[in-house]
Protein backbone atom coordinates (compact mmCIF):
# COMPACT_ATOMS: atom_id res chain seq x y z
CA MET A 1 8.18 15.00 36.78
CA ARG A 2 10.78 17.54 37.50
CA ALA A 3 12.53 15.42 34.67
CA ALA A 4 9.91 15.51 32.47
CA VAL A 5 9.42 19.12 32.35
CA THR A 6 13.34 20.12 31.85
CA LEU A 7 12.83 17.84 28.91
CA SER A 8 10.01 19.42 27.51
CA GLN A 9 11.24 22.55 27.92
CA ARG A 10 13.85 21.88 26.40
CA TYR A 11 12.73 19.87 23.06
CA ASP A 12 9.19 20.90 23.16
CA CYS A 13 8.12 17.20 24.12
CA HIS A 14 4.90 16.18 24.53
CA ILE A 15 4.18 14.90 28.01
CA ILE A 16 1.96 11.61 28.74
CA GLY A 17 1.07 11.14 32.58
CA LEU A 18 -0.14 7.61 32.63
CA PHE A 19 -1.86 6.48 35.91
CA VAL A 20 -2.24 2.67 35.54
CA VAL A 21 -4.95 1.43 37.74
CA PRO A 22 -4.16 -2.24 38.55
CA SER A 23 -6.64 -4.99 38.46
CA VAL A 24 -7.65 -6.66 41.79
CA THR A 25 -6.09 -9.90 42.82
CA PHE A 26 -7.03 -12.24 45.27
CA TYR A 27 -5.21 -14.79 47.39
CA SER A 28 -6.92 -17.85 48.74
CA GLY A 29 -6.26 -18.74 52.73
CA PRO A 30 -5.67 -22.77 53.27
CA MET A 31 -7.79 -25.31 51.49
CA GLY A 32 -8.54 -22.62 49.19
CA LEU A 33 -10.89 -20.74 51.57
CA GLY A 34 -10.69 -16.57 51.76
CA ALA A 35 -9.34 -13.70 49.98
CA SER A 36 -7.44 -10.84 51.28
CA VAL A 37 -8.44 -7.85 48.64
CA LYS A 38 -12.08 -6.34 48.62
CA PRO A 39 -11.87 -5.10 45.27
CA ILE A 40 -14.79 -2.28 45.93
CA SER A 41 -12.00 -0.93 48.70
CA ALA A 42 -8.93 -1.22 46.12
CA GLY A 43 -10.67 0.57 43.62
CA THR A 44 -11.97 3.08 46.07
CA TYR A 45 -8.24 3.63 47.10
CA PHE A 46 -6.94 3.87 43.50
CA ALA A 47 -9.95 6.45 42.57
CA LYS A 48 -8.39 8.58 45.40
CA ARG A 49 -5.03 8.72 44.49
CA ALA A 50 -6.15 9.65 40.29
CA GLU A 51 -8.21 12.44 41.85
CA ILE A 52 -4.71 13.72 43.61
CA ALA A 53 -2.33 13.32 41.10
CA LYS A 54 -4.41 14.55 37.83
CA PRO A 55 -5.19 17.92 39.07
CA ALA A 56 -1.32 18.30 40.13
CA PHE A 57 -0.40 16.76 36.81
CA GLU A 58 -2.04 19.35 34.89
CA LYS A 59 -1.09 22.25 37.24
CA ILE A 60 2.10 21.58 36.30
CA LEU A 61 1.73 21.55 32.48
CA SER A 62 -0.61 24.81 32.72
CA LYS A 63 2.29 26.56 35.10
CA HIS A 64 5.12 25.76 32.65
CA LYS A 65 3.09 25.99 29.07
CA LEU A 66 3.95 22.69 28.21
CA ARG A 67 1.74 20.19 25.68
CA GLY A 68 0.98 16.56 27.47
CA GLU A 69 -2.14 14.50 28.40
CA TRP A 70 -3.37 12.57 31.52
CA LYS A 71 -3.70 8.65 30.57
CA GLN A 72 -6.05 6.67 33.24
CA VAL A 73 -6.17 2.95 32.35
CA ASP A 74 -7.08 -0.14 33.67
CA SER A 75 -4.31 -2.95 33.60
CA HIS A 76 -7.45 -5.55 32.43
CA GLY A 77 -5.58 -8.62 34.35
CA LYS A 78 -2.03 -7.22 33.33
CA THR A 79 0.63 -6.17 35.99
CA ILE A 80 1.41 -2.32 36.54
CA PRO A 81 4.78 -2.59 34.87
CA ASP A 82 3.32 -4.67 31.77
CA THR A 83 0.50 -1.95 31.25
CA ILE A 84 3.31 0.97 31.59
CA THR A 85 5.88 -1.22 28.79
CA GLN A 86 2.32 -1.59 26.70
CA TYR A 87 2.54 2.41 26.45
CA GLY A 88 6.03 2.79 26.48
CA HIS A 89 6.58 0.84 23.51
CA ALA A 90 5.21 4.14 21.74
CA ALA A 91 6.98 6.59 23.74
CA ASP A 92 10.74 8.31 22.79
CA LEU A 93 11.51 8.05 26.33
CA VAL A 94 9.86 6.79 29.27
CA ILE A 95 10.03 8.30 32.65
CA ILE A 96 9.55 6.27 36.04
CA GLY A 97 9.85 7.32 39.79
CA HIS A 98 11.87 5.14 41.43
CA ARG A 99 11.20 4.01 45.41
CA ASN A 100 14.49 3.43 47.19
CA PRO A 101 14.59 0.29 48.84
CA GLY A 102 12.80 0.57 52.22
CA GLY A 103 11.43 3.69 51.27
CA GLY A 104 7.96 4.32 51.89
CA HIS A 105 6.75 6.29 48.94
CA VAL A 106 4.55 4.19 46.36
CA ASP A 107 6.98 4.45 43.27
CA ALA A 108 8.64 1.86 41.06
CA ASP A 109 10.61 -0.56 43.24
CA VAL A 110 13.62 -2.37 41.70
CA GLU A 111 12.01 -5.46 40.38
CA THR A 112 9.57 -3.07 38.71
CA SER A 113 12.05 -0.83 37.10
CA ALA A 114 14.16 -3.18 35.89
CA TYR A 115 10.84 -5.32 34.21
CA ILE A 116 10.27 -2.23 32.14
CA VAL A 117 13.72 -1.58 31.10
CA LYS A 118 13.79 -5.36 29.41
CA ALA A 119 10.38 -5.23 27.92
CA VAL A 120 9.93 -2.25 26.58
CA GLY A 121 12.60 -1.69 24.21
CA ARG A 122 12.86 2.12 24.50
CA PRO A 123 15.51 4.14 26.54
CA VAL A 124 14.26 3.99 30.68
CA LEU A 125 15.02 7.16 32.98
CA VAL A 126 14.63 6.18 36.52
CA VAL A 127 14.64 8.96 38.87
CA PRO A 128 14.81 8.25 42.37
CA HIS A 129 12.05 9.74 44.54
CA SER A 130 14.56 11.35 47.06
CA ASN A 131 16.17 13.31 43.90
CA ARG A 132 15.07 16.95 44.13
CA LYS A 133 17.33 18.52 41.80
CA LYS A 134 16.47 20.20 38.44
CA PHE A 135 17.11 17.47 35.72
CA VAL A 136 20.38 19.76 33.93
CA VAL A 137 22.55 17.33 32.52
CA LYS A 138 26.15 18.94 32.68
CA ARG A 139 28.39 16.44 33.72
CA ALA A 140 27.58 12.48 33.00
CA ILE A 141 28.93 9.22 33.51
CA LEU A 142 28.41 6.16 31.00
CA GLY A 143 29.44 2.95 32.52
CA TRP A 144 31.27 0.96 29.21
CA ASP A 145 32.11 -2.69 28.85
CA GLY A 146 32.38 -2.79 25.12
CA SER A 147 28.65 -4.44 25.29
CA ARG A 148 25.76 -4.02 22.88
CA GLU A 149 23.43 -2.92 25.83
CA ALA A 150 26.36 -0.73 26.66
CA SER A 151 26.34 0.79 23.31
CA ARG A 152 22.66 0.80 23.19
CA ALA A 153 23.15 2.97 26.47
CA ALA A 154 25.14 5.36 25.00
CA PHE A 155 23.87 6.48 21.93
CA ASP A 156 20.02 6.46 23.09
CA ALA A 157 21.63 9.32 25.65
CA ILE A 158 22.93 11.24 22.78
CA PRO A 159 19.49 13.79 22.68
CA LEU A 160 20.09 13.94 26.49
CA LEU A 161 23.63 15.01 26.22
CA HIS A 162 23.68 18.09 23.98
CA ASP A 163 24.31 21.01 26.99
CA VAL A 164 27.04 18.04 28.79
CA GLN A 165 30.10 19.57 29.45
CA LYS A 166 32.01 16.38 30.11
CA LEU A 167 31.29 12.97 29.52
CA THR A 168 33.12 10.27 31.76
CA VAL A 169 33.70 7.03 29.82
CA THR A 170 34.14 5.05 33.01
CA CYS A 171 35.33 1.23 32.52
CA VAL A 172 35.54 -0.75 35.68
CA ASN A 173 37.94 -3.87 35.12
CA PRO A 174 38.13 -3.57 31.78
CA ARG A 175 38.41 -6.66 29.63
CA LEU A 176 36.61 -7.69 27.01
CA GLU A 177 36.46 -4.60 24.87
CA SER A 178 40.74 -4.91 25.07
CA ASP A 179 40.39 -8.81 24.18
CA VAL A 180 38.20 -8.06 21.03
CA SER A 181 40.63 -5.30 19.53
CA ASN A 182 44.10 -3.81 20.10
CA GLN A 183 42.77 -0.63 21.12
CA ALA A 184 42.39 0.88 24.76
CA PRO A 185 39.04 0.81 26.56
CA GLY A 186 36.56 3.12 26.06
CA GLN A 187 38.63 4.88 23.12
CA LYS A 188 36.35 3.98 20.13
CA ILE A 189 32.75 5.24 22.09
CA SER A 190 34.52 8.20 23.56
CA ALA A 191 35.35 9.44 19.12
CA ALA A 192 31.60 8.05 18.33
CA MET A 193 30.49 10.74 20.76
CA ASN A 194 33.09 13.46 19.84
CA TYR A 195 31.44 12.81 16.53
CA HIS A 196 28.37 14.60 18.20
CA ALA A 197 30.06 17.07 19.43
CA ILE A 198 29.85 15.83 23.08
CA PRO A 199 33.19 16.58 24.90
CA THR A 200 34.71 13.33 26.80
CA GLU A 201 37.33 11.29 28.57
CA ILE A 202 38.01 8.10 29.75
CA ASP A 203 38.20 6.95 33.03
CA ILE A 204 39.58 3.14 34.41
CA LEU A 205 38.67 1.62 37.61
CA LYS A 206 39.76 -0.87 39.07
CA THR A 207 38.37 -2.27 41.95
CA HIS A 208 37.30 -5.66 43.95
CA ASN A 209 33.81 -4.10 44.89
CA LYS A 210 30.87 -4.67 42.47
CA ILE A 211 30.91 -2.78 39.04
CA GLY A 212 27.63 -1.44 40.05
CA LEU A 213 28.80 0.02 43.45
CA ALA A 214 31.94 1.52 41.36
CA LEU A 215 29.52 3.30 39.11
CA VAL A 216 26.82 4.49 41.64
CA LYS A 217 30.36 6.00 43.79
CA LYS A 218 31.67 7.62 40.39
CA ALA A 219 28.02 9.07 39.51
CA SER A 220 27.74 10.79 42.66
CA ALA A 221 28.88 14.29 41.79
CA SER A 222 27.24 14.16 38.28
CA ASP A 223 23.60 14.42 37.04
CA LEU A 224 23.29 11.31 34.76
CA LEU A 225 24.48 7.77 34.86
CA ILE A 226 24.46 5.84 31.55
CA ILE A 227 24.39 2.11 31.37
CA GLY A 228 23.14 -0.87 29.34
CA ALA A 229 20.70 -3.17 31.71
CA TYR A 230 21.73 -6.76 30.60
CA GLY A 231 21.13 -10.07 32.23
CA HIS A 232 23.24 -13.53 32.96
CA SER A 233 22.12 -16.85 33.91
CA ARG A 234 20.57 -16.90 37.44
CA LEU A 235 16.76 -16.33 37.46
CA ARG A 236 17.09 -12.87 38.90
CA GLU A 237 20.04 -11.73 37.05
CA THR A 238 18.21 -12.71 33.66
CA ILE A 239 15.30 -9.94 34.78
CA LEU A 240 17.77 -7.75 36.40
CA GLY A 241 21.67 -7.97 35.11
CA GLY A 242 24.12 -7.95 38.25
CA VAL A 243 25.61 -4.68 37.95
CA THR A 244 21.62 -3.22 37.09
CA GLU A 245 20.70 -4.59 39.93
CA THR A 246 22.92 -3.31 42.54
CA VAL A 247 22.75 0.32 40.66
CA LEU A 248 19.19 0.34 41.44
CA ASN A 249 19.20 -0.83 44.70
CA ASN A 250 21.83 2.32 45.40
CA LEU A 251 20.68 4.80 43.73
CA SER A 252 21.14 8.37 44.37
CA GLY A 253 20.36 10.28 41.14
CA PRO A 254 18.61 9.91 37.54
CA VAL A 255 19.90 6.95 35.33
CA LEU A 256 19.30 6.28 31.98
CA LEU A 257 19.08 2.40 31.45
CA SER A 258 18.73 0.59 27.98
CA ASN A 259 18.49 -2.66 26.81
């Protein structure tokens, strides 16, 4: 919510607080007998959570004099990510809280975050629950490999970079872009960002570790990591992308993802 408040103050945004009440799923026991979920109990649980979340959301809007609305919707047989995606199609930016692996907070987990990024078609700002800093972007890292997804992420991020002091275009073990053209990795996107009055520098990283880990480490001293979300052939990476999965599993600060 801190990120939403800061962005609304900066750009006069309309904030929608979306609370999805999931449909109850019944799980059959052996021989098709039994069910482990009681719909009344589940409905009561989410109703109580909404009773806490709604006034907290409205209090924040009132305190900061922001425009916004509360939407409490039933998933109607769909999953929570599907419902968020449906509403996210009409948004300029989707902001979701992220539960670090092993954490006890009920925010979106890695699969949920990745599914929304893949399906919504809008830029998604993922903010880890552990992050308590005000969302002010003075230093940003752009993970760049010359791909369509990286390009989409870079240009989706422009509205968030108006106040940035330095955007570091970070190329990890670059190969693709230099193979396609004779230019050094990162030069073309750096020039494009300069056209938007965004000061940039290029950093070439060589590592034997996972690219995602290298980006997370690089971004640890920045305010925002920007990456494209893409997948490979394996089933899990078709949804997540190897780099995307690694970043979400090791997230320490906000990341903007586009697909």
